[in-house]
Every structure is written in C-alpha cells, then in structure tokens.
C-alpha atoms as a PDB file:
ATOM      1  CA  UNK A   1     -52.905-104.035  20.642  1.00  0.00           C
ATOM      2  CA  UNK A   2     -54.307-107.175  19.058  1.00  0.00           C
ATOM      3  CA  UNK A   3     -56.711-109.756  20.453  1.00  0.00           C
ATOM      4  CA  UNK A   4     -55.129-112.605  18.474  1.00  0.00           C
ATOM      5  CA  UNK A   5     -58.461-113.790  17.079  1.00  0.00           C
ATOM      6  CA  UNK A   6     -58.826-112.570  13.502  1.00  0.00           C
ATOM      7  CA  UNK A   7     -62.539-111.830  13.607  1.00  0.00           C
ATOM      8  CA  UNK A   8     -62.284-109.924  16.888  1.00  0.00           C
ATOM      9  CA  UNK A   9     -59.301-107.920  15.676  1.00  0.00           C
ATOM     10  CA  UNK A  10     -61.274-106.890  12.603  1.00  0.00           C
ATOM     11  CA  UNK A  11     -64.287-105.934  14.704  1.00  0.00           C
ATOM     12  CA  UNK A  12     -62.431-103.959  17.366  1.00  0.00           C
ATOM     13  CA  UNK A  13     -59.659-102.364  15.331  1.00  0.00           C
ATOM     14  CA  UNK A  14     -58.091-100.061  16.037  1.00  0.00           C
ATOM     15  CA  UNK A  15     -57.621-100.633  19.771  1.00  0.00           C
ATOM     16  CA  UNK A  16     -55.752 -97.527  20.840  1.00  0.00           C
ATOM     17  CA  UNK A  17     -53.517 -97.127  23.875  1.00  0.00           C
ATOM     18  CA  UNK A  18     -55.514 -96.112  26.912  1.00  0.00           C
ATOM     19  CA  UNK A  19     -58.374 -98.437  25.942  1.00  0.00           C
ATOM     20  CA  UNK A  20     -60.224-100.698  28.367  1.00  0.00           C
ATOM     21  CA  UNK A  21     -61.746-103.948  27.070  1.00  0.00           C
ATOM     22  CA  UNK A  22     -64.259-105.719  29.291  1.00  0.00           C
ATOM     23  CA  UNK A  23     -64.926-109.420  28.650  1.00  0.00           C
ATOM     24  CA  UNK A  24     -68.047-110.523  30.515  1.00  0.00           C
ATOM     25  CA  UNK A  25     -69.173-114.144  30.499  1.00  0.00           C
ATOM     26  CA  UNK A  26     -70.346-117.131  32.532  1.00  0.00           C
ATOM     27  CA  UNK A  27     -68.605-120.420  33.353  1.00  0.00           C
ATOM     28  CA  UNK A  28     -65.141-119.047  32.539  1.00  0.00           C
ATOM     29  CA  UNK A  29     -65.800-118.591  28.812  1.00  0.00           C
ATOM     30  CA  UNK A  30     -64.220-115.138  28.773  1.00  0.00           C
ATOM     31  CA  UNK A  31     -60.911-116.436  30.098  1.00  0.00           C
ATOM     32  CA  UNK A  32     -60.536-118.592  26.963  1.00  0.00           C
ATOM     33  CA  UNK A  33     -59.687-115.400  25.066  1.00  0.00           C
ATOM     34  CA  UNK A  34     -56.822-114.351  27.372  1.00  0.00           C
ATOM     35  CA  UNK A  35     -54.090-116.758  26.065  1.00  0.00           C
ATOM     36  CA  UNK A  36     -54.793-115.477  22.529  1.00  0.00           C
ATOM     37  CA  UNK A  37     -54.259-111.895  23.710  1.00  0.00           C
ATOM     38  CA  UNK A  38     -51.007-112.730  25.492  1.00  0.00           C
ATOM     39  CA  UNK A  39     -49.599-114.649  22.515  1.00  0.00           C
ATOM     40  CA  UNK A  40     -50.558-111.878  20.084  1.00  0.00           C
ATOM     41  CA  UNK A  41     -48.777-109.209  22.140  1.00  0.00           C
ATOM     42  CA  UNK A  42     -45.426-110.814  22.922  1.00  0.00           C
ATOM     43  CA  UNK A  43     -43.731-107.769  21.426  1.00  0.00           C
ATOM     44  CA  UNK A  44     -45.067-105.581  24.216  1.00  0.00           C
ATOM     45  CA  UNK A  45     -42.301-104.190  26.383  1.00  0.00           C
ATOM     46  CA  UNK A  46     -44.125-105.359  29.468  1.00  0.00           C
ATOM     47  CA  UNK A  47     -47.305-107.123  30.478  1.00  0.00           C
ATOM     48  CA  UNK A  48     -48.889-107.943  33.771  1.00  0.00           C
ATOM     49  CA  UNK A  49     -51.626-110.419  34.696  1.00  0.00           C
ATOM     50  CA  UNK A  50     -53.685-110.007  37.867  1.00  0.00           C
ATOM     51  CA  UNK A  51     -55.381-113.181  39.077  1.00  0.00           C
ATOM     52  CA  UNK A  52     -57.412-114.303  42.074  1.00  0.00           C
ATOM     53  CA  UNK A  53     -55.657-116.900  44.218  1.00  0.00           C
ATOM     54  CA  UNK A  54     -56.522-120.460  43.199  1.00  0.00           C
ATOM     55  CA  UNK A  55     -57.599-119.426  39.716  1.00  0.00           C
ATOM     56  CA  UNK A  56     -57.335-122.390  37.290  1.00  0.00           C
ATOM     57  CA  UNK A  57     -56.310-119.976  34.531  1.00  0.00           C
ATOM     58  CA  UNK A  58     -52.859-119.660  36.117  1.00  0.00           C
ATOM     59  CA  UNK A  59     -51.906-123.014  34.591  1.00  0.00           C
ATOM     60  CA  UNK A  60     -53.106-122.178  31.080  1.00  0.00           C
ATOM     61  CA  UNK A  61     -51.719-118.697  30.500  1.00  0.00           C
ATOM     62  CA  UNK A  62     -48.374-118.260  28.710  1.00  0.00           C
ATOM     63  CA  UNK A  63     -45.702-117.330  31.232  1.00  0.00           C
ATOM     64  CA  UNK A  64     -42.768-116.068  29.172  1.00  0.00           C
ATOM     65  CA  UNK A  65     -42.275-112.353  29.737  1.00  0.00           C
ATOM     66  CA  UNK A  66     -45.422-112.076  31.833  1.00  0.00           C
ATOM     67  CA  UNK A  67     -45.429-110.697  35.353  1.00  0.00           C
ATOM     68  CA  UNK A  68     -48.173-112.233  37.517  1.00  0.00           C
ATOM     69  CA  UNK A  69     -49.735-110.666  40.585  1.00  0.00           C
ATOM     70  CA  UNK A  70     -52.025-112.767  42.773  1.00  0.00           C
ATOM     71  CA  UNK A  71     -54.714-111.412  45.056  1.00  0.00           C
ATOM     72  CA  UNK A  72     -56.770-113.361  47.578  1.00  0.00           C
ATOM     73  CA  UNK A  73     -60.327-113.093  48.788  1.00  0.00           C
ATOM     74  CA  UNK A  74     -59.090-111.310  51.898  1.00  0.00           C
ATOM     75  CA  UNK A  75     -57.509-108.482  49.917  1.00  0.00           C
ATOM     76  CA  UNK A  76     -57.455-105.184  51.802  1.00  0.00           C
ATOM     77  CA  UNK A  77     -57.168-101.561  50.575  1.00  0.00           C
ATOM     78  CA  UNK A  78     -53.391-101.528  51.094  1.00  0.00           C
ATOM     79  CA  UNK A  79     -53.011-104.556  48.819  1.00  0.00           C
ATOM     80  CA  UNK A  80     -55.209-102.913  46.183  1.00  0.00           C
ATOM     81  CA  UNK A  81     -52.867 -99.958  46.071  1.00  0.00           C
ATOM     82  CA  UNK A  82     -49.824-102.224  45.884  1.00  0.00           C
ATOM     83  CA  UNK A  83     -51.405-103.585  42.700  1.00  0.00           C
ATOM     84  CA  UNK A  84     -52.038-100.072  41.461  1.00  0.00           C
ATOM     85  CA  UNK A  85     -48.456 -99.010  42.234  1.00  0.00           C
ATOM     86  CA  UNK A  86     -47.100-101.961  40.213  1.00  0.00           C
ATOM     87  CA  UNK A  87     -49.292-100.975  37.275  1.00  0.00           C
ATOM     88  CA  UNK A  88     -48.153 -97.351  37.460  1.00  0.00           C
ATOM     89  CA  UNK A  89     -44.543 -98.532  37.151  1.00  0.00           C
ATOM     90  CA  UNK A  90     -45.226-100.222  33.813  1.00  0.00           C
ATOM     91  CA  UNK A  91     -43.845 -98.462  30.724  1.00  0.00           C
ATOM     92  CA  UNK A  92     -46.214 -96.654  28.400  1.00  0.00           C
ATOM     93  CA  UNK A  93     -47.990 -98.965  25.989  1.00  0.00           C
ATOM     94  CA  UNK A  94     -47.843-101.979  28.316  1.00  0.00           C
ATOM     95  CA  UNK A  95     -50.625-104.531  28.527  1.00  0.00           C
ATOM     96  CA  UNK A  96     -52.546-105.146  31.749  1.00  0.00           C
ATOM     97  CA  UNK A  97     -54.827-108.178  32.084  1.00  0.00           C
ATOM     98  CA  UNK A  98     -57.054-108.419  35.150  1.00  0.00           C
ATOM     99  CA  UNK A  99     -58.869-111.757  35.467  1.00  0.00           C
ATOM    100  CA  UNK A 100     -62.111-112.208  37.430  1.00  0.00           C
ATOM    101  CA  UNK A 101     -62.302-108.752  38.937  1.00  0.00           C
ATOM    102  CA  UNK A 102     -65.743-109.723  40.248  1.00  0.00           C
ATOM    103  CA  UNK A 103     -63.825-111.493  43.053  1.00  0.00           C
ATOM    104  CA  UNK A 104     -63.104-108.076  44.499  1.00  0.00           C
ATOM    105  CA  UNK A 105     -66.777-107.659  45.329  1.00  0.00           C
ATOM    106  CA  UNK A 106     -66.656-110.560  47.772  1.00  0.00           C
ATOM    107  CA  UNK A 107     -65.251-108.011  50.160  1.00  0.00           C
ATOM    108  CA  UNK A 108     -67.535-105.768  52.177  1.00  0.00           C
ATOM    109  CA  UNK A 109     -65.665-102.540  51.580  1.00  0.00           C
ATOM    110  CA  UNK A 110     -67.316-101.834  48.237  1.00  0.00           C
ATOM    111  CA  UNK A 111     -66.415 -98.138  48.403  1.00  0.00           C
ATOM    112  CA  UNK A 112     -62.699 -99.038  48.397  1.00  0.00           C
ATOM    113  CA  UNK A 113     -63.249-101.269  45.350  1.00  0.00           C
ATOM    114  CA  UNK A 114     -64.945 -98.476  43.413  1.00  0.00           C
ATOM    115  CA  UNK A 115     -62.157 -96.035  44.306  1.00  0.00           C
ATOM    116  CA  UNK A 116     -59.528 -98.583  43.231  1.00  0.00           C
ATOM    117  CA  UNK A 117     -61.268 -99.185  39.894  1.00  0.00           C
ATOM    118  CA  UNK A 118     -61.583 -95.458  39.209  1.00  0.00           C
ATOM    119  CA  UNK A 119     -57.865 -94.980  39.962  1.00  0.00           C
ATOM    120  CA  UNK A 120     -57.043 -97.984  37.777  1.00  0.00           C
ATOM    121  CA  UNK A 121     -58.932 -96.526  34.805  1.00  0.00           C
ATOM    122  CA  UNK A 122     -57.249 -93.148  35.278  1.00  0.00           C
ATOM    123  CA  UNK A 123     -53.822 -94.801  35.391  1.00  0.00           C
ATOM    124  CA  UNK A 124     -54.536 -96.753  32.200  1.00  0.00           C
ATOM    125  CA  UNK A 125     -55.451 -93.562  30.346  1.00  0.00           C
ATOM    126  CA  UNK A 126     -52.626 -91.438  31.763  1.00  0.00           C
ATOM    127  CA  UNK A 127     -49.953 -94.085  31.086  1.00  0.00           C
ATOM    128  CA  UNK A 128     -51.288 -95.118  27.673  1.00  0.00           C
ATOM    129  CA  UNK A 129     -51.720 -98.705  28.849  1.00  0.00           C
ATOM    130  CA  UNK A 130     -54.229-101.216  27.493  1.00  0.00           C
ATOM    131  CA  UNK A 131     -56.398-102.937  30.085  1.00  0.00           C
ATOM    132  CA  UNK A 132     -58.214-106.218  29.472  1.00  0.00           C
ATOM    133  CA  UNK A 133     -60.485-107.282  32.331  1.00  0.00           C
ATOM    134  CA  UNK A 134     -62.816-110.229  32.730  1.00  0.00           C
ATOM    135  CA  UNK A 135     -65.809-110.606  35.016  1.00  0.00           C
ATOM    136  CA  UNK A 136     -68.177-113.483  35.711  1.00  0.00           C
ATOM    137  CA  UNK A 137     -71.643-112.046  35.097  1.00  0.00           C
ATOM    138  CA  UNK A 138     -73.402-114.383  37.526  1.00  0.00           C
ATOM    139  CA  UNK A 139     -71.135-113.372  40.418  1.00  0.00           C
ATOM    140  CA  UNK A 140     -71.924-109.668  40.605  1.00  0.00           C
ATOM    141  CA  UNK A 141     -75.007-107.480  40.704  1.00  0.00           C
ATOM    142  CA  UNK A 142     -76.458-105.776  37.640  1.00  0.00           C
ATOM    143  CA  UNK A 143     -75.378-102.460  39.155  1.00  0.00           C
ATOM    144  CA  UNK A 144     -71.747-103.541  39.475  1.00  0.00           C
ATOM    145  CA  UNK A 145     -71.759-105.021  35.974  1.00  0.00           C
ATOM    146  CA  UNK A 146     -73.124-101.740  34.617  1.00  0.00           C
ATOM    147  CA  UNK A 147     -70.306 -99.929  36.433  1.00  0.00           C
ATOM    148  CA  UNK A 148     -67.698-102.117  34.700  1.00  0.00           C
ATOM    149  CA  UNK A 149     -69.368-101.494  31.333  1.00  0.00           C
ATOM    150  CA  UNK A 150     -69.454 -97.723  31.858  1.00  0.00           C
ATOM    151  CA  UNK A 151     -65.695 -97.710  32.521  1.00  0.00           C
ATOM    152  CA  UNK A 152     -64.900 -99.697  29.370  1.00  0.00           C
ATOM    153  CA  UNK A 153     -64.065 -98.581  25.861  1.00  0.00           C
ATOM    154  CA  UNK A 154     -65.230-101.892  24.407  1.00  0.00           C
ATOM    155  CA  UNK A 155     -67.433-104.645  25.836  1.00  0.00           C
ATOM    156  CA  UNK A 156     -67.253-108.269  24.696  1.00  0.00           C
ATOM    157  CA  UNK A 157     -70.295-110.039  26.130  1.00  0.00           C
ATOM    158  CA  UNK A 158     -70.274-113.837  25.824  1.00  0.00           C
ATOM    159  CA  UNK A 159     -73.713-115.387  26.225  1.00  0.00           C
ATOM    160  CA  UNK A 160     -74.434-119.060  26.786  1.00  0.00           C
ATOM    161  CA  UNK A 161     -77.841-120.294  25.610  1.00  0.00           C
ATOM    162  CA  UNK A 162     -79.184-123.780  26.197  1.00  0.00           C
ATOM    163  CA  UNK A 163     -81.703-125.075  23.655  1.00  0.00           C
ATOM    164  CA  UNK A 164     -82.929-128.625  24.329  1.00  0.00           C
ATOM    165  CA  UNK A 165     -79.654-130.580  24.439  1.00  0.00           C
ATOM    166  CA  UNK A 166     -77.565-127.991  22.590  1.00  0.00           C
ATOM    167  CA  UNK A 167     -75.408-125.277  24.133  1.00  0.00           C
ATOM    168  CA  UNK A 168     -74.978-122.242  21.917  1.00  0.00           C
ATOM    169  CA  UNK A 169     -72.417-119.517  22.568  1.00  0.00           C
ATOM    170  CA  UNK A 170     -73.156-116.024  21.315  1.00  0.00           C
ATOM    171  CA  UNK A 171     -70.794-113.089  21.436  1.00  0.00           C
ATOM    172  CA  UNK A 172     -71.963-109.504  21.482  1.00  0.00           C
ATOM    173  CA  UNK A 173     -69.646-106.618  20.639  1.00  0.00           C
ATOM    174  CA  UNK A 174     -70.287-103.116  21.922  1.00  0.00           C
ATOM    175  CA  UNK A 175     -68.105-100.304  20.613  1.00  0.00           C
ATOM    176  CA  UNK A 176     -67.898 -96.681  21.763  1.00  0.00           C
ATOM    177  CA  UNK A 177     -70.205 -95.217  19.124  1.00  0.00           C
ATOM    178  CA  UNK A 178     -73.967 -95.468  18.445  1.00  0.00           C
ATOM    179  CA  UNK A 179     -75.644 -98.464  16.813  1.00  0.00           C
ATOM    180  CA  UNK A 180     -72.566-100.646  17.140  1.00  0.00           C
ATOM    181  CA  UNK A 181     -73.954-103.677  18.971  1.00  0.00           C
ATOM    182  CA  UNK A 182     -73.924-106.902  16.958  1.00  0.00           C
ATOM    183  CA  UNK A 183     -74.245-110.582  17.775  1.00  0.00           C
ATOM    184  CA  UNK A 184     -71.979-113.379  16.556  1.00  0.00           C
ATOM    185  CA  UNK A 185     -72.058-117.133  16.881  1.00  0.00           C
ATOM    186  CA  UNK A 186     -68.930-118.193  18.774  1.00  0.00           C
ATOM    187  CA  UNK A 187     -67.373-121.611  18.269  1.00  0.00           C
ATOM    188  CA  UNK A 188     -64.482-123.049  20.278  1.00  0.00           C
ATOM    189  CA  UNK A 189     -62.565-125.893  18.688  1.00  0.00           C
ATOM    190  CA  UNK A 190     -59.049-127.187  19.380  1.00  0.00           C
ATOM    191  CA  UNK A 191     -58.255-124.108  21.436  1.00  0.00           C
ATOM    192  CA  UNK A 192     -59.290-121.758  18.611  1.00  0.00           C
ATOM    193  CA  UNK A 193     -62.190-119.343  18.592  1.00  0.00           C
ATOM    194  CA  UNK A 194     -64.192-118.484  15.481  1.00  0.00           C
ATOM    195  CA  UNK A 195     -67.027-116.009  15.034  1.00  0.00           C
ATOM    196  CA  UNK A 196     -69.832-115.866  12.497  1.00  0.00           C
ATOM    197  CA  UNK A 197     -72.149-112.866  12.302  1.00  0.00           C
ATOM    198  CA  UNK A 198     -75.819-113.662  12.803  1.00  0.00           C
ATOM    199  CA  UNK A 199     -78.003-112.433   9.973  1.00  0.00           C
ATOM    200  CA  UNK A 200     -80.619-111.131  12.407  1.00  0.00           C
ATOM    201  CA  UNK A 201     -78.208-109.022  14.484  1.00  0.00           C
ATOM    202  CA  UNK A 202     -79.837-105.789  15.659  1.00  0.00           C
END
C-alpha cells in the first residue's frame, strides 16, 4: 500500500497488509492526504470509504472504483455492524478508509463504539486489509485519542502552529519501533503535499 506522497512513502515503507494508519489533525488537514492515497492505490481489487453524513470530503475524493458508505450522527449498534459486515466481505488486501471516526463519539453508547473499533481492527488483521482512519483531535478526549493511537500501526500527527501572523504545519511520524518519532515541516501547494525534516527533530 502506498500513500501517494513520496516523502511519506519513504518514511512509512513498507506498509504491510493488516496495518492500521491513523491520521490525526485539526481543521480537516488530515483529510487532504486521503485523495493521494486513493489515487495511489487504484490497482487495489477493492476499496471502501466510510464517511460521516454531510462531510465536505465526499465531493473531493476520487469516485472511480470506490465504494462509499455513509453514516449519520444517529448511528446505532446495528448500523455499526452493517459497516463491519461490508468490510468483512472485502477481498484480502483491500483498502479501507474511515474518515472522521471521532464522529462516532457523539453518541452516548461509548461501549458499543469501543467494541466496534476492536472488531474492526481484528477484521483488518484477519483479512489482511489496510485501514486508514482520520480523526479530528479537537473533537475527542485525550483518552479516546490515546485509544485510537494504541490500535494503530502507524500514527501521522499533523500539528498546526500559529506564530504571529504565520500558520505553520508540522507533521509527526510515529512508527511501531522505539525512537522513531520525528517532526517534518509540511507544505500544501496546488493540491500537493511536501515534507522537510526539521533539523532539531527529537
């Protein structure tokens, strides 16, 4: 599986089947990566995108060969397992993209959400799928964000810093082995994303 952004592909490679990539950001910055992922994986036998109803990303994502499932804020446990059943029917090696999963936590039945996410991760591993999920950091608690991170193979954390009149975007990569966290300057221009490693990365 490729991200479709050269620097990220070099940093994350190899992304093996059964991997979970979490993209956490604010103000929808993480969703800017999703069209790159879809375009880079057109050879996949199947792909599915899960979106909250009313999501503006619906209009920007490539549609050819992509199955889209929409969930609303009133989603109930039965609907969650309809989503899970559709994912289980995907062929091995398929790509699953789940956008703004933090919307699930608007519901009160948090226990059902946790059970759904655990089943989703198990299905991804058992079926050899690749799951990309995005969350809006400001919309969920630190505890829920930590839960998403613990379930992920890789974490892409996009940070927005405001300095005087300048807005700076930083991207932090966390890989599944020690001492692997680094920071990169992220620039978006003409729909393209470029990364430059910061010399003072930890």
